Amino acid sequence: MKTLLLGSTLLCLLASPAHAQLRSINDLSLAAANKLANAAMAACQTQGRHIVVTILDHGGNVVAVQRADGVGPHNTEASRRKAYTALSTKSDTYALAVAARTHPDMANLSTVPELLLLGGGLPLMALGHVVGAIGVAGGGGALQDRACAQAALAALPELDSPTL
């Protein structure tokens, strides 16, 4: 009986740290991703621009993609890669592209296969943590894509304000 009690106590003590190692992670819902995508599409359409927008969750999984009529097919992959780059680097892809051009020690970022150093990708932050990313492509240039992505962030007040 004493051995059983000691064994049970030891088992409980060993199991406790495993539970303490789990973290709570905020994640984007499909509804939130669609809200962001709709807002980006609307922001660009008011300027007469047609885009593709991709929303990724914190793990880099595609949650939503919307493509306006007539947008070139390469823009679908470009929007995903912009979102991935913003998520992976926790950076505005326009600022990252500028830094890679002006700082020799960052120039090698352009050789990383999955990164796309073009404006239009922004990390989605909530309470200081990356919860996903948005990528916009096809809007007529890096600054226009970035502006549409930035305008979409207002659709989710739970997100931190970006520092651009």
C-alpha atoms as a PDB file:
ATOM      1  CA  MET A   1       0.000   0.000   0.000  1.00  0.00           C
ATOM      2  CA  LYS A   2       2.827   2.350   0.882  1.00  0.00           C
ATOM      3  CA  THR A   3       4.477   1.648  -2.498  1.00  0.00           C
ATOM      4  CA  LEU A   4       1.215   2.325  -4.334  1.00  0.00           C
ATOM      5  CA  LEU A   5       0.773   5.656  -2.530  1.00  0.00           C
ATOM      6  CA  LEU A   6       4.382   6.669  -3.198  1.00  0.00           C
ATOM      7  CA  GLY A   7       4.078   5.650  -6.869  1.00  0.00           C
ATOM      8  CA  SER A   8       0.846   7.616  -7.299  1.00  0.00           C
ATOM      9  CA  THR A   9       2.345  10.707  -5.705  1.00  0.00           C
ATOM     10  CA  LEU A  10       5.447  10.483  -7.896  1.00  0.00           C
ATOM     11  CA  LEU A  11       3.312  10.052 -11.013  1.00  0.00           C
ATOM     12  CA  CYS A  12       1.273  13.167 -10.127  1.00  0.00           C
ATOM     13  CA  LEU A  13       4.417  15.217  -9.593  1.00  0.00           C
ATOM     14  CA  LEU A  14       5.881  14.145 -12.920  1.00  0.00           C
ATOM     15  CA  ALA A  15       2.652  14.844 -14.791  1.00  0.00           C
ATOM     16  CA  SER A  16       2.240  18.397 -13.458  1.00  0.00           C
ATOM     17  CA  PRO A  17       5.107  20.019 -15.407  1.00  0.00           C
ATOM     18  CA  ALA A  18       3.745  18.707 -18.714  1.00  0.00           C
ATOM     19  CA  HIS A  19       0.462  20.498 -18.129  1.00  0.00           C
ATOM     20  CA  ALA A  20       2.297  23.685 -17.129  1.00  0.00           C
ATOM     21  CA  GLN A  21       4.118  23.685 -20.489  1.00  0.00           C
ATOM     22  CA  LEU A  22       0.975  24.121 -22.575  1.00  0.00           C
ATOM     23  CA  ARG A  23       0.350  27.642 -23.809  1.00  0.00           C
ATOM     24  CA  SER A  24      -2.785  29.417 -24.758  1.00  0.00           C
ATOM     25  CA  ILE A  25      -2.656  30.650 -28.354  1.00  0.00           C
ATOM     26  CA  ASN A  26      -4.951  33.198 -29.952  1.00  0.00           C
ATOM     27  CA  ASP A  27      -5.893  32.142 -33.447  1.00  0.00           C
ATOM     28  CA  LEU A  28      -7.892  33.653 -36.281  1.00  0.00           C
ATOM     29  CA  SER A  29     -11.331  32.247 -36.930  1.00  0.00           C
ATOM     30  CA  LEU A  30     -12.676  31.768 -40.439  1.00  0.00           C
ATOM     31  CA  ALA A  31     -15.147  34.574 -39.740  1.00  0.00           C
ATOM     32  CA  ALA A  32     -12.318  36.954 -38.746  1.00  0.00           C
ATOM     33  CA  ALA A  33     -10.243  35.974 -41.793  1.00  0.00           C
ATOM     34  CA  ASN A  34     -13.183  36.564 -44.121  1.00  0.00           C
ATOM     35  CA  LYS A  35     -13.835  39.936 -42.484  1.00  0.00           C
ATOM     36  CA  LEU A  36     -10.226  40.961 -43.152  1.00  0.00           C
ATOM     37  CA  ALA A  37     -10.331  39.664 -46.719  1.00  0.00           C
ATOM     38  CA  ASN A  38     -13.617  41.470 -47.431  1.00  0.00           C
ATOM     39  CA  ALA A  39     -12.203  44.707 -46.015  1.00  0.00           C
ATOM     40  CA  ALA A  40      -9.056  44.468 -48.166  1.00  0.00           C
ATOM     41  CA  MET A  41     -11.121  43.772 -51.290  1.00  0.00           C
ATOM     42  CA  ALA A  42     -13.428  46.709 -50.533  1.00  0.00           C
ATOM     43  CA  ALA A  43     -10.526  49.088 -49.831  1.00  0.00           C
ATOM     44  CA  CYS A  44      -8.928  48.286 -53.172  1.00  0.00           C
ATOM     45  CA  GLN A  45     -12.178  48.298 -55.138  1.00  0.00           C
ATOM     46  CA  THR A  46     -12.933  51.854 -54.000  1.00  0.00           C
ATOM     47  CA  GLN A  47      -9.653  52.833 -55.677  1.00  0.00           C
ATOM     48  CA  GLY A  48     -10.492  50.877 -58.836  1.00  0.00           C
ATOM     49  CA  ARG A  49      -7.920  48.199 -58.002  1.00  0.00           C
ATOM     50  CA  HIS A  50      -8.511  44.471 -58.269  1.00  0.00           C
ATOM     51  CA  ILE A  51      -6.518  42.217 -55.952  1.00  0.00           C
ATOM     52  CA  VAL A  52      -5.990  38.812 -54.457  1.00  0.00           C
ATOM     53  CA  VAL A  53      -5.885  38.667 -50.659  1.00  0.00           C
ATOM     54  CA  THR A  54      -4.714  35.740 -48.530  1.00  0.00           C
ATOM     55  CA  ILE A  55      -5.112  35.396 -44.768  1.00  0.00           C
ATOM     56  CA  LEU A  56      -2.919  32.951 -42.831  1.00  0.00           C
ATOM     57  CA  ASP A  57      -3.334  31.755 -39.248  1.00  0.00           C
ATOM     58  CA  HIS A  58      -0.480  31.791 -36.721  1.00  0.00           C
ATOM     59  CA  GLY A  59       0.824  28.460 -38.050  1.00  0.00           C
ATOM     60  CA  GLY A  60       1.016  29.628 -41.672  1.00  0.00           C
ATOM     61  CA  ASN A  61      -2.120  27.797 -42.791  1.00  0.00           C
ATOM     62  CA  VAL A  62      -4.335  29.464 -45.395  1.00  0.00           C
ATOM     63  CA  VAL A  63      -7.630  30.437 -43.758  1.00  0.00           C
ATOM     64  CA  ALA A  64      -9.107  32.590 -46.531  1.00  0.00           C
ATOM     65  CA  VAL A  65      -8.298  33.605 -50.098  1.00  0.00           C
ATOM     66  CA  GLN A  66     -10.301  35.983 -52.266  1.00  0.00           C
ATOM     67  CA  ARG A  67      -9.499  36.899 -55.847  1.00  0.00           C
ATOM     68  CA  ALA A  68     -11.192  39.684 -57.775  1.00  0.00           C
ATOM     69  CA  ASP A  69     -12.281  39.007 -61.332  1.00  0.00           C
ATOM     70  CA  GLY A  70      -9.568  39.487 -63.907  1.00  0.00           C
ATOM     71  CA  VAL A  71      -6.561  39.365 -61.564  1.00  0.00           C
ATOM     72  CA  GLY A  72      -3.591  37.459 -63.008  1.00  0.00           C
ATOM     73  CA  PRO A  73      -3.131  33.939 -61.631  1.00  0.00           C
ATOM     74  CA  HIS A  74       0.403  34.607 -60.369  1.00  0.00           C
ATOM     75  CA  ASN A  75      -1.042  37.056 -57.824  1.00  0.00           C
ATOM     76  CA  THR A  76      -2.701  34.259 -55.839  1.00  0.00           C
ATOM     77  CA  GLU A  77       0.677  32.736 -54.999  1.00  0.00           C
ATOM     78  CA  ALA A  78       2.250  36.173 -54.537  1.00  0.00           C
ATOM     79  CA  SER A  79      -0.381  37.148 -51.939  1.00  0.00           C
ATOM     80  CA  ARG A  80       0.191  33.886 -50.046  1.00  0.00           C
ATOM     81  CA  ARG A  81       3.962  34.346 -50.075  1.00  0.00           C
ATOM     82  CA  LYS A  82       3.659  37.970 -48.915  1.00  0.00           C
ATOM     83  CA  ALA A  83       1.483  36.820 -46.017  1.00  0.00           C
ATOM     84  CA  TYR A  84       3.935  34.002 -45.240  1.00  0.00           C
ATOM     85  CA  THR A  85       6.877  36.416 -45.291  1.00  0.00           C
ATOM     86  CA  ALA A  86       5.088  38.822 -42.924  1.00  0.00           C
ATOM     87  CA  LEU A  87       4.181  35.943 -40.599  1.00  0.00           C
ATOM     88  CA  SER A  88       7.609  34.334 -40.628  1.00  0.00           C
ATOM     89  CA  THR A  89       9.581  37.555 -40.134  1.00  0.00           C
ATOM     90  CA  LYS A  90       6.933  39.329 -38.018  1.00  0.00           C
ATOM     91  CA  SER A  91       7.498  42.297 -40.329  1.00  0.00           C
ATOM     92  CA  ASP A  92       5.793  44.547 -42.835  1.00  0.00           C
ATOM     93  CA  THR A  93       7.049  43.143 -46.145  1.00  0.00           C
ATOM     94  CA  TYR A  94       7.477  46.613 -47.665  1.00  0.00           C
ATOM     95  CA  ALA A  95       9.785  47.674 -44.809  1.00  0.00           C
ATOM     96  CA  LEU A  96      11.588  44.340 -45.066  1.00  0.00           C
ATOM     97  CA  ALA A  97      12.156  44.823 -48.815  1.00  0.00           C
ATOM     98  CA  VAL A  98      13.566  48.311 -48.250  1.00  0.00           C
ATOM     99  CA  ALA A  99      15.854  47.017 -45.497  1.00  0.00           C
ATOM    100  CA  ALA A 100      17.087  44.164 -47.699  1.00  0.00           C
ATOM    101  CA  ARG A 101      18.011  46.651 -50.437  1.00  0.00           C
ATOM    102  CA  THR A 102      19.744  49.140 -48.128  1.00  0.00           C
ATOM    103  CA  HIS A 103      21.463  46.888 -45.561  1.00  0.00           C
ATOM    104  CA  PRO A 104      24.015  44.478 -47.018  1.00  0.00           C
ATOM    105  CA  ASP A 105      23.666  42.100 -44.068  1.00  0.00           C
ATOM    106  CA  MET A 106      19.954  41.642 -44.911  1.00  0.00           C
ATOM    107  CA  ALA A 107      20.350  41.249 -48.675  1.00  0.00           C
ATOM    108  CA  ASN A 108      20.492  37.464 -48.376  1.00  0.00           C
ATOM    109  CA  LEU A 109      16.812  37.421 -47.346  1.00  0.00           C
ATOM    110  CA  SER A 110      15.941  37.699 -51.029  1.00  0.00           C
ATOM    111  CA  THR A 111      17.487  34.261 -51.580  1.00  0.00           C
ATOM    112  CA  VAL A 112      15.293  32.436 -49.058  1.00  0.00           C
ATOM    113  CA  PRO A 113      12.954  30.433 -51.329  1.00  0.00           C
ATOM    114  CA  GLU A 114       9.591  31.020 -49.646  1.00  0.00           C
ATOM    115  CA  LEU A 115      10.049  34.701 -48.754  1.00  0.00           C
ATOM    116  CA  LEU A 116       8.705  37.382 -51.089  1.00  0.00           C
ATOM    117  CA  LEU A 117      10.167  40.802 -50.401  1.00  0.00           C
ATOM    118  CA  LEU A 118       7.444  42.981 -51.885  1.00  0.00           C
ATOM    119  CA  GLY A 119       5.033  45.314 -50.141  1.00  0.00           C
ATOM    120  CA  GLY A 120       1.587  43.983 -49.339  1.00  0.00           C
ATOM    121  CA  GLY A 121       2.217  41.598 -46.445  1.00  0.00           C
ATOM    122  CA  LEU A 122       1.537  42.514 -42.827  1.00  0.00           C
ATOM    123  CA  PRO A 123       1.679  40.420 -39.662  1.00  0.00           C
ATOM    124  CA  LEU A 124      -1.543  40.336 -37.645  1.00  0.00           C
ATOM    125  CA  MET A 125      -0.765  41.087 -34.006  1.00  0.00           C
ATOM    126  CA  ALA A 126      -2.983  40.757 -30.937  1.00  0.00           C
ATOM    127  CA  LEU A 127      -1.709  41.618 -27.482  1.00  0.00           C
ATOM    128  CA  GLY A 128       1.820  41.738 -28.872  1.00  0.00           C
ATOM    129  CA  HIS A 129       1.701  38.236 -30.384  1.00  0.00           C
ATOM    130  CA  VAL A 130       1.524  37.235 -34.045  1.00  0.00           C
ATOM    131  CA  VAL A 131      -1.852  35.573 -34.674  1.00  0.00           C
ATOM    132  CA  GLY A 132      -1.636  35.454 -38.466  1.00  0.00           C
ATOM    133  CA  ALA A 133      -0.833  37.524 -41.522  1.00  0.00           C
ATOM    134  CA  ILE A 134      -2.447  39.194 -44.504  1.00  0.00           C
ATOM    135  CA  GLY A 135      -1.004  39.325 -48.003  1.00  0.00           C
ATOM    136  CA  VAL A 136      -2.305  41.447 -50.891  1.00  0.00           C
ATOM    137  CA  ALA A 137      -1.146  41.260 -54.516  1.00  0.00           C
ATOM    138  CA  GLY A 138      -2.273  42.585 -57.871  1.00  0.00           C
ATOM    139  CA  GLY A 139      -3.183  46.109 -56.776  1.00  0.00           C
ATOM    140  CA  GLY A 140      -0.743  47.880 -59.056  1.00  0.00           C
ATOM    141  CA  GLY A 141       2.405  47.947 -56.962  1.00  0.00           C
ATOM    142  CA  ALA A 142       3.936  47.385 -53.559  1.00  0.00           C
ATOM    143  CA  LEU A 143       2.642  50.583 -51.952  1.00  0.00           C
ATOM    144  CA  GLN A 144      -0.904  50.070 -53.249  1.00  0.00           C
ATOM    145  CA  ASP A 145      -0.963  46.450 -52.041  1.00  0.00           C
ATOM    146  CA  ARG A 146       0.364  47.553 -48.661  1.00  0.00           C
ATOM    147  CA  ALA A 147      -2.299  50.277 -48.359  1.00  0.00           C
ATOM    148  CA  CYS A 148      -5.095  47.768 -49.051  1.00  0.00           C
ATOM    149  CA  ALA A 149      -3.690  45.332 -46.478  1.00  0.00           C
ATOM    150  CA  GLN A 150      -3.334  48.117 -43.923  1.00  0.00           C
ATOM    151  CA  ALA A 151      -6.896  49.355 -44.521  1.00  0.00           C
ATOM    152  CA  ALA A 152      -8.220  45.846 -43.855  1.00  0.00           C
ATOM    153  CA  LEU A 153      -6.797  45.793 -40.318  1.00  0.00           C
ATOM    154  CA  ALA A 154      -9.437  48.293 -39.183  1.00  0.00           C
ATOM    155  CA  ALA A 155     -12.064  45.569 -39.712  1.00  0.00           C
ATOM    156  CA  LEU A 156     -10.832  43.735 -36.593  1.00  0.00           C
ATOM    157  CA  PRO A 157     -10.483  46.087 -33.626  1.00  0.00           C
ATOM    158  CA  GLU A 158      -9.025  43.188 -31.570  1.00  0.00           C
ATOM    159  CA  LEU A 159      -5.808  43.495 -33.575  1.00  0.00           C
ATOM    160  CA  ASP A 160      -2.959  45.697 -32.418  1.00  0.00           C
ATOM    161  CA  SER A 161      -2.392  48.848 -34.473  1.00  0.00           C
ATOM    162  CA  PRO A 162       0.497  48.237 -36.881  1.00  0.00           C
ATOM    163  CA  THR A 163       3.680  50.265 -36.655  1.00  0.00           C
ATOM    164  CA  LEU A 164       4.512  51.108 -40.263  1.00  0.00           C
END
